[in-house]
PDB file of all heavy atoms in Angstrom:
ATOM      1  N   GLY A   1      -7.538  -3.823   0.708  1.00  0.00           N
ATOM      2  CA  GLY A   1      -7.062  -5.120   0.256  1.00  0.00           C
ATOM      3  C   GLY A   1      -8.149  -6.150   0.281  1.00  0.00           C
ATOM      4  O   GLY A   1      -9.248  -5.921   0.774  1.00  0.00           O
ATOM      5  N   GLY A   2      -7.812  -7.318  -0.246  1.00  0.00           N
ATOM      6  CA  GLY A   2      -8.783  -8.413  -0.280  1.00  0.00           C
ATOM      7  C   GLY A   2      -8.322  -9.500  -1.195  1.00  0.00           C
ATOM      8  O   GLY A   2      -7.179  -9.538  -1.618  1.00  0.00           O
ATOM      9  N   LEU A   3      -9.258 -10.403  -1.500  1.00  0.00           N
ATOM     10  CA  LEU A   3      -8.991 -11.525  -2.371  1.00  0.00           C
ATOM     11  C   LEU A   3      -9.557 -11.208  -3.766  1.00  0.00           C
ATOM     12  O   LEU A   3     -10.720 -10.830  -3.881  1.00  0.00           O
ATOM     13  CB  LEU A   3      -9.619 -12.817  -1.830  1.00  0.00           C
ATOM     14  CG  LEU A   3      -9.566 -14.058  -2.674  1.00  0.00           C
ATOM     15  CD1 LEU A   3      -8.129 -14.488  -2.882  1.00  0.00           C
ATOM     16  CD2 LEU A   3     -10.396 -15.170  -2.040  1.00  0.00           C
ATOM     17  N   VAL A   4      -8.735 -11.402  -4.796  1.00  0.00           N
ATOM     18  CA  VAL A   4      -9.171 -11.133  -6.148  1.00  0.00           C
ATOM     19  C   VAL A   4      -8.574 -12.164  -7.094  1.00  0.00           C
ATOM     20  O   VAL A   4      -7.502 -12.717  -6.866  1.00  0.00           O
ATOM     21  CB  VAL A   4      -8.770  -9.678  -6.558  1.00  0.00           C
ATOM     22  CG1 VAL A   4      -7.252  -9.563  -6.591  1.00  0.00           C
ATOM     23  CG2 VAL A   4      -9.389  -9.276  -7.870  1.00  0.00           C
ATOM     24  N   GLN A   5      -9.287 -12.432  -8.176  1.00  0.00           N
ATOM     25  CA  GLN A   5      -8.803 -13.345  -9.203  1.00  0.00           C
ATOM     26  C   GLN A   5      -7.719 -12.657 -10.049  1.00  0.00           C
ATOM     27  O   GLN A   5      -7.733 -11.451 -10.212  1.00  0.00           O
ATOM     28  CB  GLN A   5      -9.936 -13.791 -10.094  1.00  0.00           C
ATOM     29  CG  GLN A   5     -10.985 -14.651  -9.427  1.00  0.00           C
ATOM     30  CD  GLN A   5     -10.531 -16.036  -9.145  1.00  0.00           C
ATOM     31  OE1 GLN A   5      -9.736 -16.612  -9.890  1.00  0.00           O
ATOM     32  NE2 GLN A   5     -11.038 -16.645  -8.109  1.00  0.00           N
ATOM     33  N   ALA A   6      -6.824 -13.458 -10.587  1.00  0.00           N
ATOM     34  CA  ALA A   6      -5.802 -12.913 -11.467  1.00  0.00           C
ATOM     35  C   ALA A   6      -6.484 -12.142 -12.608  1.00  0.00           C
ATOM     36  O   ALA A   6      -7.474 -12.584 -13.152  1.00  0.00           O
ATOM     37  CB  ALA A   6      -4.941 -14.029 -12.026  1.00  0.00           C
ATOM     38  N   GLY A   7      -5.935 -10.984 -12.922  1.00  0.00           N
ATOM     39  CA  GLY A   7      -6.509 -10.128 -13.910  1.00  0.00           C
ATOM     40  C   GLY A   7      -7.464  -9.100 -13.367  1.00  0.00           C
ATOM     41  O   GLY A   7      -7.854  -8.153 -14.074  1.00  0.00           O
ATOM     42  N   GLY A   8      -7.836  -9.228 -12.119  1.00  0.00           N
ATOM     43  CA  GLY A   8      -8.771  -8.305 -11.469  1.00  0.00           C
ATOM     44  C   GLY A   8      -8.083  -7.053 -10.968  1.00  0.00           C
ATOM     45  O   GLY A   8      -6.863  -6.842 -11.181  1.00  0.00           O
ATOM     46  N   SER A   9      -8.859  -6.213 -10.285  1.00  0.00           N
ATOM     47  CA  SER A   9      -8.362  -4.933  -9.781  1.00  0.00           C
ATOM     48  C   SER A   9      -8.725  -4.690  -8.352  1.00  0.00           C
ATOM     49  O   SER A   9      -9.744  -5.220  -7.846  1.00  0.00           O
ATOM     50  CB  SER A   9      -8.967  -3.805 -10.644  1.00  0.00           C
ATOM     51  OG  SER A   9      -8.587  -3.896 -12.004  1.00  0.00           O
ATOM     52  N   LEU A  10      -7.911  -3.893  -7.678  1.00  0.00           N
ATOM     53  CA  LEU A  10      -8.199  -3.426  -6.366  1.00  0.00           C
ATOM     54  C   LEU A  10      -7.707  -2.000  -6.242  1.00  0.00           C
ATOM     55  O   LEU A  10      -6.780  -1.617  -6.937  1.00  0.00           O
ATOM     56  CB  LEU A  10      -7.500  -4.273  -5.286  1.00  0.00           C
ATOM     57  CG  LEU A  10      -8.047  -5.670  -4.988  1.00  0.00           C
ATOM     58  CD1 LEU A  10      -7.108  -6.414  -4.067  1.00  0.00           C
ATOM     59  CD2 LEU A  10      -9.438  -5.589  -4.355  1.00  0.00           C
ATOM     60  N   ARG A  11      -8.320  -1.255  -5.345  1.00  0.00           N
ATOM     61  CA  ARG A  11      -7.874   0.095  -5.059  1.00  0.00           C
ATOM     62  C   ARG A  11      -7.561   0.218  -3.591  1.00  0.00           C
ATOM     63  O   ARG A  11      -8.457   0.102  -2.748  1.00  0.00           O
ATOM     64  CB  ARG A  11      -8.887   1.152  -5.464  1.00  0.00           C
ATOM     65  CG  ARG A  11      -8.354   2.596  -5.422  1.00  0.00           C
ATOM     66  CD  ARG A  11      -9.452   3.621  -5.624  1.00  0.00           C
ATOM     67  NE  ARG A  11      -8.915   4.929  -5.917  1.00  0.00           N
ATOM     68  CZ  ARG A  11      -9.611   6.071  -5.870  1.00  0.00           C
ATOM     69  NH1 ARG A  11     -10.894   6.029  -5.568  1.00  0.00           N
ATOM     70  NH2 ARG A  11      -8.998   7.243  -6.159  1.00  0.00           N
ATOM     71  N   LEU A  12      -6.324   0.456  -3.282  1.00  0.00           N
ATOM     72  CA  LEU A  12      -5.889   0.624  -1.878  1.00  0.00           C
ATOM     73  C   LEU A  12      -5.927   2.080  -1.495  1.00  0.00           C
ATOM     74  O   LEU A  12      -5.673   2.972  -2.326  1.00  0.00           O
ATOM     75  CB  LEU A  12      -4.485   0.071  -1.652  1.00  0.00           C
ATOM     76  CG  LEU A  12      -4.210  -1.372  -2.103  1.00  0.00           C
ATOM     77  CD1 LEU A  12      -2.793  -1.758  -1.718  1.00  0.00           C
ATOM     78  CD2 LEU A  12      -5.236  -2.325  -1.487  1.00  0.00           C
ATOM     79  N   SER A  13      -6.228   2.347  -0.241  1.00  0.00           N
ATOM     80  CA  SER A  13      -6.242   3.689   0.299  1.00  0.00           C
ATOM     81  C   SER A  13      -5.355   3.758   1.545  1.00  0.00           C
ATOM     82  O   SER A  13      -5.206   2.759   2.230  1.00  0.00           O
ATOM     83  CB  SER A  13      -7.643   4.169   0.658  1.00  0.00           C
ATOM     84  OG  SER A  13      -8.511   4.155  -0.477  1.00  0.00           O
ATOM     85  N   CYS A  14      -4.835   4.922   1.784  1.00  0.00           N
ATOM     86  CA  CYS A  14      -4.004   5.171   2.970  1.00  0.00           C
ATOM     87  C   CYS A  14      -4.419   6.505   3.549  1.00  0.00           C
ATOM     88  O   CYS A  14      -4.385   7.528   2.860  1.00  0.00           O
ATOM     89  CB  CYS A  14      -2.534   5.155   2.600  1.00  0.00           C
ATOM     90  SG  CYS A  14      -1.420   5.474   3.993  1.00  0.00           S
ATOM     91  N   THR A  15      -4.840   6.484   4.806  1.00  0.00           N
ATOM     92  CA  THR A  15      -5.240   7.680   5.481  1.00  0.00           C
ATOM     93  C   THR A  15      -4.390   7.912   6.692  1.00  0.00           C
ATOM     94  O   THR A  15      -3.821   6.960   7.266  1.00  0.00           O
ATOM     95  CB  THR A  15      -6.731   7.643   5.874  1.00  0.00           C
ATOM     96  OG1 THR A  15      -6.955   6.528   6.737  1.00  0.00           O
ATOM     97  CG2 THR A  15      -7.611   7.526   4.647  1.00  0.00           C
ATOM     98  N   ALA A  16      -4.349   9.150   7.149  1.00  0.00           N
ATOM     99  CA  ALA A  16      -3.537   9.466   8.311  1.00  0.00           C
ATOM    100  C   ALA A  16      -4.260  10.408   9.238  1.00  0.00           C
ATOM    101  O   ALA A  16      -5.027  11.272   8.798  1.00  0.00           O
ATOM    102  CB  ALA A  16      -2.202  10.110   7.892  1.00  0.00           C
ATOM    103  N   SER A  17      -4.006  10.266  10.504  1.00  0.00           N
ATOM    104  CA  SER A  17      -4.452  11.172  11.522  1.00  0.00           C
ATOM    105  C   SER A  17      -3.259  11.681  12.291  1.00  0.00           C
ATOM    106  O   SER A  17      -2.315  10.943  12.516  1.00  0.00           O
ATOM    107  CB  SER A  17      -5.477  10.527  12.470  1.00  0.00           C
ATOM    108  OG  SER A  17      -4.889   9.435  13.139  1.00  0.00           O
ATOM    109  N   GLY A  18      -3.293  12.937  12.691  1.00  0.00           N
ATOM    110  CA  GLY A  18      -2.167  13.519  13.391  1.00  0.00           C
ATOM    111  C   GLY A  18      -1.003  13.813  12.508  1.00  0.00           C
ATOM    112  O   GLY A  18       0.114  14.073  12.993  1.00  0.00           O
ATOM    113  N   LEU A  19      -1.226  13.803  11.197  1.00  0.00           N
ATOM    114  CA  LEU A  19      -0.150  14.052  10.243  1.00  0.00           C
ATOM    115  C   LEU A  19      -0.770  14.558   8.958  1.00  0.00           C
ATOM    116  O   LEU A  19      -1.734  13.974   8.457  1.00  0.00           O
ATOM    117  CB  LEU A  19       0.618  12.734   9.972  1.00  0.00           C
ATOM    118  CG  LEU A  19       1.849  12.808   9.085  1.00  0.00           C
ATOM    119  CD1 LEU A  19       2.974  13.519   9.827  1.00  0.00           C
ATOM    120  CD2 LEU A  19       2.299  11.413   8.702  1.00  0.00           C
ATOM    121  N   THR A  20      -0.179  15.570   8.401  1.00  0.00           N
ATOM    122  CA  THR A  20      -0.643  16.123   7.110  1.00  0.00           C
ATOM    123  C   THR A  20       0.184  15.510   5.997  1.00  0.00           C
ATOM    124  O   THR A  20       1.370  15.814   5.863  1.00  0.00           O
ATOM    125  CB  THR A  20      -0.521  17.651   7.086  1.00  0.00           C
ATOM    126  OG1 THR A  20      -1.310  18.185   8.154  1.00  0.00           O
ATOM    127  CG2 THR A  20      -1.049  18.204   5.773  1.00  0.00           C
ATOM    128  N   LEU A  21      -0.411  14.668   5.204  1.00  0.00           N
ATOM    129  CA  LEU A  21       0.320  13.898   4.215  1.00  0.00           C
ATOM    130  C   LEU A  21       0.869  14.772   3.104  1.00  0.00           C
ATOM    131  O   LEU A  21       1.846  14.392   2.463  1.00  0.00           O
ATOM    132  CB  LEU A  21      -0.559  12.784   3.626  1.00  0.00           C
ATOM    133  CG  LEU A  21      -0.971  11.672   4.601  1.00  0.00           C
ATOM    134  CD1 LEU A  21      -1.817  10.638   3.854  1.00  0.00           C
ATOM    135  CD2 LEU A  21       0.261  11.015   5.193  1.00  0.00           C
ATOM    136  N   ASP A  22       0.253  15.915   2.857  1.00  0.00           N
ATOM    137  CA  ASP A  22       0.778  16.742   1.765  1.00  0.00           C
ATOM    138  C   ASP A  22       2.116  17.348   2.066  1.00  0.00           C
ATOM    139  O   ASP A  22       2.705  18.003   1.189  1.00  0.00           O
ATOM    140  CB  ASP A  22      -0.248  17.812   1.352  1.00  0.00           C
ATOM    141  CG  ASP A  22      -0.532  18.875   2.448  1.00  0.00           C
ATOM    142  OD1 ASP A  22       0.109  18.849   3.498  1.00  0.00           O
ATOM    143  OD2 ASP A  22      -1.437  19.685   2.200  1.00  0.00           O
ATOM    144  N   SER A  23       2.630  17.131   3.257  1.00  0.00           N
ATOM    145  CA  SER A  23       3.967  17.601   3.622  1.00  0.00           C
ATOM    146  C   SER A  23       5.070  16.624   3.210  1.00  0.00           C
ATOM    147  O   SER A  23       6.246  16.908   3.363  1.00  0.00           O
ATOM    148  CB  SER A  23       4.059  17.837   5.141  1.00  0.00           C
ATOM    149  OG  SER A  23       3.194  18.873   5.541  1.00  0.00           O
ATOM    150  N   TYR A  24       4.665  15.462   2.705  1.00  0.00           N
ATOM    151  CA  TYR A  24       5.597  14.395   2.436  1.00  0.00           C
ATOM    152  C   TYR A  24       5.465  13.762   1.077  1.00  0.00           C
ATOM    153  O   TYR A  24       4.378  13.635   0.521  1.00  0.00           O
ATOM    154  CB  TYR A  24       5.442  13.281   3.469  1.00  0.00           C
ATOM    155  CG  TYR A  24       5.596  13.703   4.906  1.00  0.00           C
ATOM    156  CD1 TYR A  24       4.500  14.049   5.666  1.00  0.00           C
ATOM    157  CD2 TYR A  24       6.844  13.769   5.504  1.00  0.00           C
ATOM    158  CE1 TYR A  24       4.612  14.481   6.974  1.00  0.00           C
ATOM    159  CE2 TYR A  24       6.989  14.176   6.810  1.00  0.00           C
ATOM    160  CZ  TYR A  24       5.864  14.506   7.546  1.00  0.00           C
ATOM    161  OH  TYR A  24       6.009  14.903   8.856  1.00  0.00           O
ATOM    162  N   THR A  25       6.590  13.322   0.558  1.00  0.00           N
ATOM    163  CA  THR A  25       6.586  12.310  -0.488  1.00  0.00           C
ATOM    164  C   THR A  25       6.075  11.020   0.155  1.00  0.00           C
ATOM    165  O   THR A  25       6.400  10.705   1.287  1.00  0.00           O
ATOM    166  CB  THR A  25       8.019  12.104  -1.049  1.00  0.00           C
ATOM    167  OG1 THR A  25       8.403  13.222  -1.822  1.00  0.00           O
ATOM    168  CG2 THR A  25       8.111  10.813  -1.878  1.00  0.00           C
ATOM    169  N   LEU A  26       5.260  10.283  -0.568  1.00  0.00           N
ATOM    170  CA  LEU A  26       4.632   9.077  -0.044  1.00  0.00           C
ATOM    171  C   LEU A  26       4.981   7.854  -0.874  1.00  0.00           C
ATOM    172  O   LEU A  26       5.149   7.969  -2.094  1.00  0.00           O
ATOM    173  CB  LEU A  26       3.109   9.242   0.026  1.00  0.00           C
ATOM    174  CG  LEU A  26       2.581  10.418   0.828  1.00  0.00           C
ATOM    175  CD1 LEU A  26       1.074  10.532   0.659  1.00  0.00           C
ATOM    176  CD2 LEU A  26       2.946  10.284   2.288  1.00  0.00           C
ATOM    177  N   GLY A  27       4.987   6.705  -0.246  1.00  0.00           N
ATOM    178  CA  GLY A  27       5.298   5.473  -0.950  1.00  0.00           C
ATOM    179  C   GLY A  27       4.433   4.305  -0.523  1.00  0.00           C
ATOM    180  O   GLY A  27       3.917   4.252   0.565  1.00  0.00           O
ATOM    181  N   TRP A  28       4.242   3.400  -1.499  1.00  0.00           N
ATOM    182  CA  TRP A  28       3.607   2.127  -1.227  1.00  0.00           C
ATOM    183  C   TRP A  28       4.660   1.029  -1.281  1.00  0.00           C
ATOM    184  O   TRP A  28       5.489   0.994  -2.196  1.00  0.00           O
ATOM    185  CB  TRP A  28       2.538   1.804  -2.271  1.00  0.00           C
ATOM    186  CG  TRP A  28       1.233   2.549  -2.091  1.00  0.00           C
ATOM    187  CD1 TRP A  28       0.789   3.627  -2.745  1.00  0.00           C
ATOM    188  CD2 TRP A  28       0.191   2.195  -1.164  1.00  0.00           C
ATOM    189  NE1 TRP A  28      -0.434   4.004  -2.301  1.00  0.00           N
ATOM    190  CE2 TRP A  28      -0.835   3.140  -1.342  1.00  0.00           C
ATOM    191  CE3 TRP A  28       0.028   1.198  -0.221  1.00  0.00           C
ATOM    192  CZ2 TRP A  28      -2.024   3.127  -0.583  1.00  0.00           C
ATOM    193  CZ3 TRP A  28      -1.138   1.168   0.538  1.00  0.00           C
ATOM    194  CH2 TRP A  28      -2.145   2.113   0.321  1.00  0.00           C
ATOM    195  N   PHE A  29       4.625   0.146  -0.303  1.00  0.00           N
ATOM    196  CA  PHE A  29       5.566  -0.954  -0.201  1.00  0.00           C
ATOM    197  C   PHE A  29       4.778  -2.244   0.033  1.00  0.00           C
ATOM    198  O   PHE A  29       3.655  -2.204   0.479  1.00  0.00           O
ATOM    199  CB  PHE A  29       6.564  -0.721   0.952  1.00  0.00           C
ATOM    200  CG  PHE A  29       7.420   0.496   0.809  1.00  0.00           C
ATOM    201  CD1 PHE A  29       6.921   1.762   1.105  1.00  0.00           C
ATOM    202  CD2 PHE A  29       8.690   0.393   0.310  1.00  0.00           C
ATOM    203  CE1 PHE A  29       7.695   2.893   0.966  1.00  0.00           C
ATOM    204  CE2 PHE A  29       9.487   1.529   0.174  1.00  0.00           C
ATOM    205  CZ  PHE A  29       8.996   2.773   0.473  1.00  0.00           C
ATOM    206  N   ARG A  30       5.417  -3.351  -0.279  1.00  0.00           N
ATOM    207  CA  ARG A  30       4.780  -4.644  -0.049  1.00  0.00           C
ATOM    208  C   ARG A  30       5.763  -5.662   0.429  1.00  0.00           C
ATOM    209  O   ARG A  30       6.946  -5.579   0.141  1.00  0.00           O
ATOM    210  CB  ARG A  30       4.048  -5.122  -1.309  1.00  0.00           C
ATOM    211  CG  ARG A  30       4.965  -5.490  -2.447  1.00  0.00           C
ATOM    212  CD  ARG A  30       4.150  -5.843  -3.680  1.00  0.00           C
ATOM    213  NE  ARG A  30       4.971  -6.216  -4.817  1.00  0.00           N
ATOM    214  CZ  ARG A  30       4.510  -6.468  -6.044  1.00  0.00           C
ATOM    215  NH1 ARG A  30       3.210  -6.327  -6.295  1.00  0.00           N
ATOM    216  NH2 ARG A  30       5.352  -6.818  -7.013  1.00  0.00           N
ATOM    217  N   GLN A  31       5.246  -6.654   1.150  1.00  0.00           N
ATOM    218  CA  GLN A  31       6.108  -7.702   1.643  1.00  0.00           C
ATOM    219  C   GLN A  31       5.334  -9.021   1.676  1.00  0.00           C
ATOM    220  O   GLN A  31       4.256  -9.093   2.270  1.00  0.00           O
ATOM    221  CB  GLN A  31       6.617  -7.390   3.037  1.00  0.00           C
ATOM    222  CG  GLN A  31       7.655  -8.372   3.565  1.00  0.00           C
ATOM    223  CD  GLN A  31       8.366  -7.873   4.807  1.00  0.00           C
ATOM    224  OE1 GLN A  31       7.848  -7.063   5.526  1.00  0.00           O
ATOM    225  NE2 GLN A  31       9.578  -8.376   5.028  1.00  0.00           N
ATOM    226  N   ALA A  32       5.899 -10.013   1.047  1.00  0.00           N
ATOM    227  CA  ALA A  32       5.332 -11.347   1.058  1.00  0.00           C
ATOM    228  C   ALA A  32       6.180 -12.211   1.999  1.00  0.00           C
ATOM    229  O   ALA A  32       7.325 -11.897   2.238  1.00  0.00           O
ATOM    230  CB  ALA A  32       5.347 -11.974  -0.340  1.00  0.00           C
ATOM    231  N   PRO A  33       5.585 -13.274   2.568  1.00  0.00           N
ATOM    232  CA  PRO A  33       6.347 -14.109   3.506  1.00  0.00           C
ATOM    233  C   PRO A  33       7.631 -14.627   2.882  1.00  0.00           C
ATOM    234  O   PRO A  33       7.635 -15.096   1.752  1.00  0.00           O
ATOM    235  CB  PRO A  33       5.368 -15.255   3.804  1.00  0.00           C
ATOM    236  CG  PRO A  33       4.010 -14.641   3.602  1.00  0.00           C
ATOM    237  CD  PRO A  33       4.184 -13.698   2.463  1.00  0.00           C
ATOM    238  N   GLY A  34       8.726 -14.498   3.617  1.00  0.00           N
ATOM    239  CA  GLY A  34      10.013 -14.975   3.150  1.00  0.00           C
ATOM    240  C   GLY A  34      10.699 -14.055   2.185  1.00  0.00           C
ATOM    241  O   GLY A  34      11.803 -14.378   1.711  1.00  0.00           O
ATOM    242  N   LYS A  35      10.138 -12.905   1.903  1.00  0.00           N
ATOM    243  CA  LYS A  35      10.717 -11.951   0.968  1.00  0.00           C
ATOM    244  C   LYS A  35      10.967 -10.597   1.687  1.00  0.00           C
ATOM    245  O   LYS A  35      10.360 -10.303   2.695  1.00  0.00           O
ATOM    246  CB  LYS A  35       9.819 -11.705  -0.242  1.00  0.00           C
ATOM    247  CG  LYS A  35       9.585 -12.952  -1.099  1.00  0.00           C
ATOM    248  CD  LYS A  35       8.716 -12.620  -2.293  1.00  0.00           C
ATOM    249  CE  LYS A  35       8.488 -13.836  -3.141  1.00  0.00           C
ATOM    250  NZ  LYS A  35       7.607 -13.509  -4.317  1.00  0.00           N
ATOM    251  N   GLN A  36      11.913  -9.837   1.106  1.00  0.00           N
ATOM    252  CA  GLN A  36      12.174  -8.507   1.641  1.00  0.00           C
ATOM    253  C   GLN A  36      11.040  -7.568   1.255  1.00  0.00           C
ATOM    254  O   GLN A  36      10.384  -7.737   0.241  1.00  0.00           O
ATOM    255  CB  GLN A  36      13.486  -7.974   1.076  1.00  0.00           C
ATOM    256  CG  GLN A  36      14.734  -8.685   1.543  1.00  0.00           C
ATOM    257  CD  GLN A  36      16.005  -8.050   1.064  1.00  0.00           C
ATOM    258  OE1 GLN A  36      16.052  -7.485  -0.019  1.00  0.00           O
ATOM    259  NE2 GLN A  36      17.056  -8.069   1.893  1.00  0.00           N
ATOM    260  N   ARG A  37      10.868  -6.562   2.103  1.00  0.00           N
ATOM    261  CA  ARG A  37       9.879  -5.516   1.734  1.00  0.00           C
ATOM    262  C   ARG A  37      10.419  -4.728   0.577  1.00  0.00           C
ATOM    263  O   ARG A  37      11.564  -4.290   0.552  1.00  0.00           O
ATOM    264  CB  ARG A  37       9.639  -4.591   2.973  1.00  0.00           C
ATOM    265  CG  ARG A  37       8.537  -3.611   2.755  1.00  0.00           C
ATOM    266  CD  ARG A  37       8.186  -2.873   4.068  1.00  0.00           C
ATOM    267  NE  ARG A  37       7.652  -3.814   5.032  1.00  0.00           N
ATOM    268  CZ  ARG A  37       7.157  -3.445   6.231  1.00  0.00           C
ATOM    269  NH1 ARG A  37       7.107  -2.166   6.538  1.00  0.00           N
ATOM    270  NH2 ARG A  37       6.700  -4.370   7.068  1.00  0.00           N
ATOM    271  N   GLU A  38       9.585  -4.546  -0.422  1.00  0.00           N
ATOM    272  CA  GLU A  38       9.986  -3.843  -1.638  1.00  0.00           C
ATOM    273  C   GLU A  38       9.100  -2.663  -1.889  1.00  0.00           C
ATOM    274  O   GLU A  38       7.923  -2.649  -1.636  1.00  0.00           O
ATOM    275  CB  GLU A  38       9.947  -4.779  -2.828  1.00  0.00           C
ATOM    276  CG  GLU A  38       8.579  -5.304  -3.215  1.00  0.00           C
ATOM    277  CD  GLU A  38       8.567  -6.072  -4.519  1.00  0.00           C
ATOM    278  OE1 GLU A  38       9.502  -5.893  -5.336  1.00  0.00           O
ATOM    279  OE2 GLU A  38       7.628  -6.868  -4.714  1.00  0.00           O
ATOM    280  N   GLY A  39       9.707  -1.614  -2.407  1.00  0.00           N
ATOM    281  CA  GLY A  39       8.962  -0.422  -2.789  1.00  0.00           C
ATOM    282  C   GLY A  39       8.319  -0.622  -4.129  1.00  0.00           C
ATOM    283  O   GLY A  39       8.985  -1.034  -5.096  1.00  0.00           O
TER     284      GLY A  39
END
């Protein structure tokens, strides 16, 4: 994550230790202040 101008791009990564991610369906979620966490 980081700061970017509107129209720009970012690439997020998620890594795990002690867990093999290929065993699971995975999801990205986000939450802004005052809002519910959304998938």
